[in-house]
Protein backbone atom coordinates (compact mmCIF):
# COMPACT_ATOMS: atom_id res chain seq x y z
CA MET A 1 14.58 43.15 -20.59
CA ARG A 2 17.57 40.85 -20.32
CA ASN A 3 17.31 40.83 -16.55
CA LEU A 4 13.70 39.84 -16.62
CA GLY A 5 14.63 36.76 -18.66
CA ILE A 6 17.35 35.83 -16.17
CA ILE A 7 14.84 36.28 -13.31
CA VAL A 8 12.21 34.08 -14.95
CA LEU A 9 14.84 31.50 -15.81
CA SER A 10 16.03 31.59 -12.23
CA ILE A 11 12.53 31.09 -10.92
CA ILE A 12 11.79 28.20 -13.07
CA LEU A 13 15.17 26.54 -12.07
CA LEU A 14 14.51 27.05 -8.32
CA ALA A 15 10.91 25.69 -8.80
CA SER A 16 12.11 22.58 -10.58
CA LEU A 17 14.79 21.97 -7.95
CA GLY A 18 12.25 22.34 -5.12
CA SER A 19 9.99 19.89 -6.78
CA CYS A 20 12.51 17.13 -7.05
CA THR A 21 12.48 14.58 -4.34
CA LYS A 22 15.16 12.08 -3.60
CA GLU A 23 14.03 8.59 -4.08
CA GLU A 24 13.83 6.98 -0.66
CA ASN A 25 15.48 3.65 -0.25
CA TRP A 26 13.05 1.23 1.48
CA ALA A 27 15.54 -1.73 1.61
CA PHE A 28 15.26 -3.52 4.97
CA LYS A 29 12.13 -1.47 5.90
CA THR A 30 9.50 -2.45 3.31
CA ASP A 31 7.04 -3.25 6.17
CA GLN A 32 6.91 0.55 6.77
CA LEU A 33 6.14 1.15 3.21
CA TYR A 34 3.42 -1.50 3.09
CA GLN A 35 1.86 -0.02 6.27
CA LYS A 36 1.89 3.49 4.78
CA ASN A 37 0.25 2.25 1.58
CA LYS A 38 -2.35 0.36 3.59
CA LYS A 39 -3.66 3.66 4.71
CA SER A 40 -4.62 4.38 1.02
CA VAL A 41 -6.90 1.35 0.50
CA THR A 42 -10.51 2.34 -0.35
CA ILE A 43 -11.91 -0.88 -1.78
CA LYS A 44 -14.25 -3.13 0.29
CA GLN A 45 -13.41 -6.29 -1.76
CA GLY A 46 -10.45 -7.16 -3.96
CA VAL A 47 -6.63 -6.93 -3.94
CA TRP A 48 -4.34 -4.18 -2.95
CA GLY A 49 -0.55 -4.00 -2.48
CA THR A 50 2.70 -2.40 -3.27
CA VAL A 51 5.10 -2.97 -6.17
CA THR A 52 8.82 -2.27 -5.54
CA GLU A 53 12.02 -2.92 -7.40
CA ARG A 54 15.21 -4.37 -5.89
CA THR A 55 18.56 -3.30 -7.30
CA GLY A 56 22.19 -3.50 -6.12
CA ASP A 57 24.00 -6.20 -4.28
CA TRP A 58 21.94 -8.02 -1.80
CA MET A 59 24.59 -10.71 -1.14
CA PRO A 60 25.48 -11.02 2.55
CA SER A 61 28.51 -8.90 3.04
CA PRO A 62 29.60 -5.65 4.73
CA ASP A 63 28.70 -3.74 1.63
CA ILE A 64 25.04 -4.81 1.59
CA TYR A 65 23.84 -1.60 3.34
CA GLN A 66 25.66 0.52 0.83
CA THR A 67 24.44 -0.90 -2.41
CA ALA A 68 21.11 -2.77 -1.70
CA LYS A 69 18.19 -0.62 -2.72
CA GLN A 70 14.42 -1.24 -2.84
CA ALA A 71 12.06 1.54 -4.04
CA PRO A 72 8.40 1.66 -5.17
CA ILE A 73 7.74 1.85 -8.87
CA LYS A 74 4.98 2.81 -11.17
CA CYS A 75 3.89 -0.10 -13.48
CA THR A 76 0.89 -1.95 -14.83
CA ILE A 77 -0.60 -4.80 -12.81
CA ARG A 78 -2.74 -7.39 -14.62
CA PHE A 79 -5.07 -9.92 -13.24
CA TYR A 80 -5.83 -13.05 -15.19
CA GLU A 81 -7.72 -16.18 -14.70
CA PRO A 82 -5.47 -18.54 -12.77
CA VAL A 83 -2.35 -19.67 -14.79
CA THR A 84 -0.19 -22.73 -14.29
CA PHE A 85 3.15 -23.82 -15.69
CA ASP A 86 1.33 -26.38 -17.84
CA ASP A 87 -0.56 -23.47 -19.59
CA PHE A 88 2.81 -22.40 -20.89
CA GLN A 89 3.89 -25.74 -22.38
CA ARG A 90 4.62 -24.47 -25.88
CA GLU A 91 7.74 -24.90 -27.90
CA GLY A 92 10.04 -22.05 -27.59
CA ILE A 93 8.53 -20.45 -24.48
CA SER A 94 10.30 -20.07 -21.22
CA ILE A 95 8.50 -19.20 -18.10
CA TYR A 96 11.25 -16.64 -17.49
CA ASN A 97 10.67 -14.88 -20.74
CA ILE A 98 6.91 -14.45 -20.80
CA THR A 99 5.54 -12.73 -23.98
CA ASP A 100 1.84 -13.40 -23.26
CA VAL A 101 -0.36 -15.00 -20.61
CA PRO A 102 -2.50 -17.80 -22.05
CA THR A 103 -5.59 -17.17 -19.78
CA LYS A 104 -8.23 -14.54 -19.95
CA LEU A 105 -7.26 -10.98 -18.69
CA ILE A 106 -9.79 -10.02 -16.09
CA ALA A 107 -8.57 -6.49 -15.04
CA GLU A 108 -5.70 -4.07 -15.22
CA THR A 109 -4.49 -1.14 -13.05
CA THR A 110 -1.44 0.99 -12.53
CA SER A 111 0.56 1.49 -9.35
CA ASN A 112 1.27 5.07 -8.20
CA LYS A 113 4.57 6.70 -7.29
CA ASN A 114 4.51 4.92 -3.89
CA GLY A 115 3.99 1.54 -5.67
CA PHE A 116 0.41 1.38 -4.36
CA PHE A 117 -2.32 -0.41 -6.32
CA GLN A 118 -5.76 -1.62 -5.67
CA MET A 119 -8.37 -3.38 -7.65
CA LYS A 120 -11.90 -4.34 -6.94
CA LEU A 121 -12.43 -7.95 -7.91
CA GLU A 122 -15.20 -10.46 -7.48
CA PRO A 123 -14.69 -13.47 -5.25
CA GLY A 124 -12.61 -16.11 -6.88
CA GLU A 125 -9.04 -17.18 -7.89
CA TYR A 126 -6.71 -14.98 -9.88
CA SER A 127 -3.06 -14.82 -11.16
CA ILE A 128 -1.29 -11.58 -10.98
CA PHE A 129 1.49 -10.30 -13.29
CA VAL A 130 3.37 -7.02 -13.49
CA ILE A 131 4.33 -5.24 -16.80
CA TYR A 132 7.59 -3.24 -16.09
CA ASN A 133 10.06 -1.94 -18.67
CA GLY A 134 8.09 -3.80 -21.35
CA GLU A 135 8.40 -7.22 -19.62
CA ILE A 136 5.70 -9.45 -18.21
CA LEU A 137 6.80 -10.58 -14.80
CA ALA A 138 5.37 -13.34 -12.54
CA GLY A 139 5.79 -12.62 -8.84
CA SER A 140 5.41 -16.01 -7.20
CA PHE A 141 5.13 -19.77 -7.66
CA ASP A 142 3.42 -22.05 -5.24
CA GLY A 143 5.18 -25.37 -5.73
CA VAL A 144 2.24 -27.18 -7.44
CA GLY A 145 2.33 -25.29 -10.66
CA ASN A 146 0.33 -22.09 -9.98
CA ILE A 147 1.86 -18.81 -10.98
CA GLY A 148 0.98 -15.64 -9.00
CA LYS A 149 -2.18 -17.20 -7.62
CA PHE A 150 -4.21 -15.63 -4.89
CA SER A 151 -7.89 -15.77 -3.82
CA ILE A 152 -10.50 -13.09 -3.09
CA SER A 153 -13.39 -14.04 -0.75
CA GLU A 154 -16.63 -12.11 -0.35
CA LYS A 155 -16.16 -8.74 1.50
CA ASN A 156 -12.43 -9.34 2.04
CA LYS A 157 -9.29 -7.44 0.82
CA THR A 158 -6.18 -9.44 -0.04
CA GLU A 159 -2.83 -7.79 0.18
CA TYR A 160 -0.30 -8.87 -2.51
CA ASN A 161 3.10 -7.23 -2.53
CA PHE A 162 5.17 -7.63 -5.66
CA VAL A 163 8.96 -7.28 -5.77
CA VAL A 164 10.61 -6.85 -9.13
CA ASN A 165 14.01 -8.37 -8.45
CA ASN A 166 16.87 -6.87 -10.47
CA ALA A 167 19.37 -7.33 -7.69
CA VAL A 168 22.33 -9.57 -7.15
CA ASP A 169 21.30 -12.01 -4.49
């Protein structure tokens, strides 16, 4: 009976080791990840993309190839009516510490283990934010006050790749 328990425990241990995969580092080759995820797009109109997180030291140095990492992440992606810096003009709020987005939430989805997401959206303009580790993150600013803004036109798909930057750079 004791041998049976050891055998069962060994099988479970081997199965769990076999199911573990080493997280691939996509640093310096994200274009390959984006092309891989492009094959998963099924929407006819809307937005799709990949969410990755950068970590490590990205400063130009001989060590950059040893510590710089970029990997796909699972997270929530939210699409809002367009948001500008002016929308955040409230006392005590910093655009770098967002606690809420002051425009209407239009849609929400989740990225998969490859960082891939897609969302069918009507033609129009939107702002995109990522919720990761409890934080609301903006991905881009256009220089005229718009935050994470992108457009969807009829029967077109827009690619939007989002990098959560937790690296030294």
